[in-house]
Amino acid sequence: MGKLLSLLSRDDSNCCSSPRYDIFLDFENAAPTDTEREVYEDVQRVLLESEEILEEIQFYKGAGREIREAIADPSRISQERAWRVVKPLVEKLLRCYNHSLELQRVS
């Protein structure tokens, strides 16, 4: 890929350089070939899920207050209240971790 880019970026003003090629690469309207389709769809699925993950991260609200209350007052009620808040956050964390593994797999 680097060699291709170096060929495309040569300057015509230098007498010793190779000729410059005028090639148009349309990245916005690119479509996968039949042999690339499976990989394309797999990557597309992971990238769409990435948008959901990023949205969840942006609106993340921690459970610090509930955890502190459960530590300060270790009663069953305060611990259950903290667990109800913490459990979904742990599930989100697991989802983010699993998604990171998917990103590594398709990269």
Foldseek 3Di string as FASTA:
>chain_A
DVVVVVQQPDDPVDPPHDDHDDDDDDPPPDDDDPVCVVLVVLVVVLVVVVVVLVVCVVPDDDLVVLVVVCVVPVDPVSVVVSCVRVVVVVVSVVVVVVSVVSVVVSD
